[in-house]
């Protein structure tokens, strides 16, 4: 993801939590592959920000 992860874009100023409503909207599609990718992204986000 551009907000966190190995290819993070440092010039982005939005907090990582700004994408959560979009994740929720996409989950409404009931696509298991998309849901899996969202779970992986959330795991990375939590792991990166666990101390905050």
PDB file of N, CA and C in Angstrom:
ATOM      1  N   UNK A   1       0.846  -1.175   0.000  1.00  0.00           N
ATOM      2  CA  UNK A   1       0.000   0.000   0.000  1.00  0.00           C
ATOM      3  C   UNK A   1       0.887   1.232   0.000  1.00  0.00           C
ATOM      4  N   UNK A   2       0.374   2.284  -0.522  1.00  0.00           N
ATOM      5  CA  UNK A   2       1.153   3.513  -0.613  1.00  0.00           C
ATOM      6  C   UNK A   2       1.268   4.227   0.733  1.00  0.00           C
ATOM      7  N   UNK A   3       0.365   3.944   1.670  1.00  0.00           N
ATOM      8  CA  UNK A   3       0.436   4.593   2.981  1.00  0.00           C
ATOM      9  C   UNK A   3       1.310   3.836   3.969  1.00  0.00           C
ATOM     10  N   UNK A   4       1.513   2.549   3.735  1.00  0.00           N
ATOM     11  CA  UNK A   4       2.373   1.740   4.591  1.00  0.00           C
ATOM     12  C   UNK A   4       2.913   0.588   3.759  1.00  0.00           C
ATOM     13  N   UNK A   5       3.908  -0.081   4.256  1.00  0.00           N
ATOM     14  CA  UNK A   5       4.484  -1.217   3.539  1.00  0.00           C
ATOM     15  C   UNK A   5       5.812  -0.875   2.902  1.00  0.00           C
ATOM     16  N   UNK A   6       6.319  -1.797   2.120  1.00  0.00           N
ATOM     17  CA  UNK A   6       7.656  -1.638   1.555  1.00  0.00           C
ATOM     18  C   UNK A   6       7.717  -0.583   0.455  1.00  0.00           C
ATOM     19  N   UNK A   7       6.609  -0.253  -0.163  1.00  0.00           N
ATOM     20  CA  UNK A   7       6.585   0.749  -1.234  1.00  0.00           C
ATOM     21  C   UNK A   7       5.838   2.005  -0.790  1.00  0.00           C
ATOM     22  N   UNK A   8       6.010   2.359   0.474  1.00  0.00           N
ATOM     23  CA  UNK A   8       5.310   3.505   1.051  1.00  0.00           C
ATOM     24  C   UNK A   8       5.729   4.794   0.355  1.00  0.00           C
ATOM     25  N   UNK A   9       4.775   5.683   0.138  1.00  0.00           N
ATOM     26  CA  UNK A   9       5.033   6.991  -0.462  1.00  0.00           C
ATOM     27  C   UNK A   9       5.095   7.996   0.677  1.00  0.00           C
ATOM     28  N   UNK A  10       6.284   8.514   0.931  1.00  0.00           N
ATOM     29  CA  UNK A  10       6.484   9.380   2.099  1.00  0.00           C
ATOM     30  C   UNK A  10       5.792  10.735   1.968  1.00  0.00           C
ATOM     31  N   UNK A  11       5.448  11.161   0.764  1.00  0.00           N
ATOM     32  CA  UNK A  11       4.812  12.467   0.592  1.00  0.00           C
ATOM     33  C   UNK A  11       3.309  12.449   0.892  1.00  0.00           C
ATOM     34  N   UNK A  12       2.720  11.275   1.065  1.00  0.00           N
ATOM     35  CA  UNK A  12       1.298  11.208   1.417  1.00  0.00           C
ATOM     36  C   UNK A  12       1.114  11.655   2.857  1.00  0.00           C
ATOM     37  N   UNK A  13       0.130  12.503   3.080  1.00  0.00           N
ATOM     38  CA  UNK A  13      -0.074  13.063   4.416  1.00  0.00           C
ATOM     39  C   UNK A  13      -1.308  12.514   5.121  1.00  0.00           C
ATOM     40  N   UNK A  14      -2.047  11.630   4.477  1.00  0.00           N
ATOM     41  CA  UNK A  14      -3.246  11.066   5.094  1.00  0.00           C
ATOM     42  C   UNK A  14      -2.855   9.996   6.110  1.00  0.00           C
ATOM     43  N   UNK A  15      -3.584   9.906   7.217  1.00  0.00           N
ATOM     44  CA  UNK A  15      -3.300   8.822   8.164  1.00  0.00           C
ATOM     45  C   UNK A  15      -3.751   7.489   7.569  1.00  0.00           C
ATOM     46  N   UNK A  16      -3.086   6.409   7.934  1.00  0.00           N
ATOM     47  CA  UNK A  16      -3.474   5.092   7.403  1.00  0.00           C
ATOM     48  C   UNK A  16      -4.933   4.728   7.667  1.00  0.00           C
ATOM     49  N   UNK A  17      -5.497   5.234   8.755  1.00  0.00           N
ATOM     50  CA  UNK A  17      -6.891   4.906   9.067  1.00  0.00           C
ATOM     51  C   UNK A  17      -7.875   5.533   8.081  1.00  0.00           C
ATOM     52  N   UNK A  18      -7.423   6.441   7.237  1.00  0.00           N
ATOM     53  CA  UNK A  18      -8.307   7.078   6.258  1.00  0.00           C
ATOM     54  C   UNK A  18      -8.836   6.083   5.228  1.00  0.00           C
ATOM     55  N   UNK A  19      -8.155   4.959   5.050  1.00  0.00           N
ATOM     56  CA  UNK A  19      -8.594   3.976   4.051  1.00  0.00           C
ATOM     57  C   UNK A  19      -9.600   2.974   4.608  1.00  0.00           C
ATOM     58  N   UNK A  20      -9.810   2.964   5.904  1.00  0.00           N
ATOM     59  CA  UNK A  20     -10.703   1.969   6.502  1.00  0.00           C
ATOM     60  C   UNK A  20     -12.129   2.025   5.954  1.00  0.00           C
ATOM     61  N   UNK A  21     -12.740   3.206   5.777  1.00  0.00           N
ATOM     62  CA  UNK A  21     -14.086   3.215   5.183  1.00  0.00           C
ATOM     63  C   UNK A  21     -14.113   2.619   3.772  1.00  0.00           C
ATOM     64  N   UNK A  22     -13.058   2.843   3.011  1.00  0.00           N
ATOM     65  CA  UNK A  22     -12.990   2.259   1.667  1.00  0.00           C
ATOM     66  C   UNK A  22     -12.873   0.747   1.734  1.00  0.00           C
ATOM     67  N   UNK A  23     -12.084   0.256   2.673  1.00  0.00           N
ATOM     68  CA  UNK A  23     -11.968  -1.193   2.855  1.00  0.00           C
ATOM     69  C   UNK A  23     -13.334  -1.791   3.171  1.00  0.00           C
ATOM     70  N   UNK A  24     -14.075  -1.147   4.041  1.00  0.00           N
ATOM     71  CA  UNK A  24     -15.397  -1.651   4.414  1.00  0.00           C
ATOM     72  C   UNK A  24     -16.330  -1.691   3.204  1.00  0.00           C
ATOM     73  N   UNK A  25     -16.291  -0.657   2.394  1.00  0.00           N
ATOM     74  CA  UNK A  25     -17.135  -0.608   1.199  1.00  0.00           C
ATOM     75  C   UNK A  25     -16.784  -1.737   0.229  1.00  0.00           C
ATOM     76  N   UNK A  26     -15.503  -1.989   0.035  1.00  0.00           N
ATOM     77  CA  UNK A  26     -15.067  -3.045  -0.880  1.00  0.00           C
ATOM     78  C   UNK A  26     -15.463  -4.419  -0.352  1.00  0.00           C
ATOM     79  N   UNK A  27     -15.452  -4.593   0.959  1.00  0.00           N
ATOM     80  CA  UNK A  27     -15.831  -5.886   1.526  1.00  0.00           C
ATOM     81  C   UNK A  27     -17.285  -6.243   1.229  1.00  0.00           C
ATOM     82  N   UNK A  28     -18.097  -5.248   0.929  1.00  0.00           N
ATOM     83  CA  UNK A  28     -19.498  -5.502   0.593  1.00  0.00           C
ATOM     84  C   UNK A  28     -19.649  -6.258  -0.727  1.00  0.00           C
ATOM     85  N   UNK A  29     -18.580  -6.350  -1.510  1.00  0.00           N
ATOM     86  CA  UNK A  29     -18.639  -7.081  -2.780  1.00  0.00           C
ATOM     87  C   UNK A  29     -18.672  -8.592  -2.572  1.00  0.00           C
ATOM     88  N   UNK A  30     -18.340  -9.049  -1.367  1.00  0.00           N
ATOM     89  CA  UNK A  30     -18.324 -10.474  -1.027  1.00  0.00           C
ATOM     90  C   UNK A  30     -17.381 -11.292  -1.907  1.00  0.00           C
ATOM     91  N   UNK A  31     -16.301 -10.685  -2.352  1.00  0.00           N
ATOM     92  CA  UNK A  31     -15.282 -11.384  -3.137  1.00  0.00           C
ATOM     93  C   UNK A  31     -14.205 -11.865  -2.175  1.00  0.00           C
ATOM     94  N   UNK A  32     -14.005 -13.174  -2.108  1.00  0.00           N
ATOM     95  CA  UNK A  32     -13.087 -13.740  -1.113  1.00  0.00           C
ATOM     96  C   UNK A  32     -11.635 -13.338  -1.353  1.00  0.00           C
ATOM     97  N   UNK A  33     -11.226 -13.178  -2.590  1.00  0.00           N
ATOM     98  CA  UNK A  33      -9.839 -12.776  -2.869  1.00  0.00           C
ATOM     99  C   UNK A  33      -9.600 -11.342  -2.421  1.00  0.00           C
ATOM    100  N   UNK A  34     -10.558 -10.472  -2.679  1.00  0.00           N
ATOM    101  CA  UNK A  34     -10.435  -9.083  -2.237  1.00  0.00           C
ATOM    102  C   UNK A  34     -10.430  -9.021  -0.719  1.00  0.00           C
ATOM    103  N   UNK A  35     -11.293  -9.788  -0.077  1.00  0.00           N
ATOM    104  CA  UNK A  35     -11.325  -9.818   1.386  1.00  0.00           C
ATOM    105  C   UNK A  35      -9.987 -10.281   1.945  1.00  0.00           C
ATOM    106  N   UNK A  36      -9.390 -11.275   1.318  1.00  0.00           N
ATOM    107  CA  UNK A  36      -8.082 -11.775   1.751  1.00  0.00           C
ATOM    108  C   UNK A  36      -7.020 -10.681   1.638  1.00  0.00           C
ATOM    109  N   UNK A  37      -7.006  -9.955   0.537  1.00  0.00           N
ATOM    110  CA  UNK A  37      -6.035  -8.873   0.348  1.00  0.00           C
ATOM    111  C   UNK A  37      -6.235  -7.767   1.381  1.00  0.00           C
ATOM    112  N   UNK A  38      -7.471  -7.478   1.723  1.00  0.00           N
ATOM    113  CA  UNK A  38      -7.743  -6.456   2.734  1.00  0.00           C
ATOM    114  C   UNK A  38      -7.246  -6.917   4.096  1.00  0.00           C
ATOM    115  N   UNK A  39      -7.475  -8.175   4.426  1.00  0.00           N
ATOM    116  CA  UNK A  39      -6.985  -8.712   5.699  1.00  0.00           C
ATOM    117  C   UNK A  39      -5.466  -8.627   5.761  1.00  0.00           C
ATOM    118  N   UNK A  40      -4.792  -8.973   4.683  1.00  0.00           N
ATOM    119  CA  UNK A  40      -3.329  -8.864   4.659  1.00  0.00           C
ATOM    120  C   UNK A  40      -2.876  -7.420   4.853  1.00  0.00           C
ATOM    121  N   UNK A  41      -3.549  -6.492   4.205  1.00  0.00           N
ATOM    122  CA  UNK A  41      -3.198  -5.081   4.348  1.00  0.00           C
ATOM    123  C   UNK A  41      -3.423  -4.591   5.771  1.00  0.00           C
ATOM    124  N   UNK A  42      -4.525  -5.014   6.370  1.00  0.00           N
ATOM    125  CA  UNK A  42      -4.798  -4.619   7.755  1.00  0.00           C
ATOM    126  C   UNK A  42      -3.775  -5.211   8.712  1.00  0.00           C
ATOM    127  N   UNK A  43      -3.343  -6.437   8.454  1.00  0.00           N
ATOM    128  CA  UNK A  43      -2.305  -7.038   9.296  1.00  0.00           C
ATOM    129  C   UNK A  43      -1.015  -6.236   9.211  1.00  0.00           C
ATOM    130  N   UNK A  44      -0.642  -5.828   8.004  1.00  0.00           N
ATOM    131  CA  UNK A  44       0.563  -5.012   7.832  1.00  0.00           C
ATOM    132  C   UNK A  44       0.421  -3.682   8.555  1.00  0.00           C
ATOM    133  N   UNK A  45      -0.749  -3.069   8.452  1.00  0.00           N
ATOM    134  CA  UNK A  45      -0.994  -1.787   9.106  1.00  0.00           C
ATOM    135  C   UNK A  45      -0.879  -1.912  10.617  1.00  0.00           C
ATOM    136  N   UNK A  46      -1.498  -2.927  11.185  1.00  0.00           N
ATOM    137  CA  UNK A  46      -1.456  -3.125  12.637  1.00  0.00           C
ATOM    138  C   UNK A  46      -0.035  -3.449  13.088  1.00  0.00           C
ATOM    139  N   UNK A  47       0.645  -4.291  12.353  1.00  0.00           N
ATOM    140  CA  UNK A  47       2.014  -4.659  12.714  1.00  0.00           C
ATOM    141  C   UNK A  47       2.934  -3.441  12.691  1.00  0.00           C
ATOM    142  N   UNK A  48       2.771  -2.610  11.694  1.00  0.00           N
ATOM    143  CA  UNK A  48       3.624  -1.424  11.563  1.00  0.00           C
ATOM    144  C   UNK A  48       3.333  -0.392  12.648  1.00  0.00           C
ATOM    145  N   UNK A  49       2.088  -0.278  13.074  1.00  0.00           N
ATOM    146  CA  UNK A  49       1.682   0.759  14.016  1.00  0.00           C
ATOM    147  C   UNK A  49       1.311   0.206  15.384  1.00  0.00           C
ATOM    148  N   UNK A  50       1.772  -0.971  15.717  1.00  0.00           N
ATOM    149  CA  UNK A  50       1.383  -1.619  16.973  1.00  0.00           C
ATOM    150  C   UNK A  50       1.807  -0.825  18.200  1.00  0.00           C
ATOM    151  N   UNK A  51       2.894  -0.113  18.109  1.00  0.00           N
ATOM    152  CA  UNK A  51       3.402   0.617  19.271  1.00  0.00           C
ATOM    153  C   UNK A  51       2.753   1.984  19.441  1.00  0.00           C
ATOM    154  N   UNK A  52       2.002   2.433  18.459  1.00  0.00           N
ATOM    155  CA  UNK A  52       1.394   3.772  18.533  1.00  0.00           C
ATOM    156  C   UNK A  52       0.077   3.758  19.235  1.00  0.00           C
TER     157      UNK A  52
END
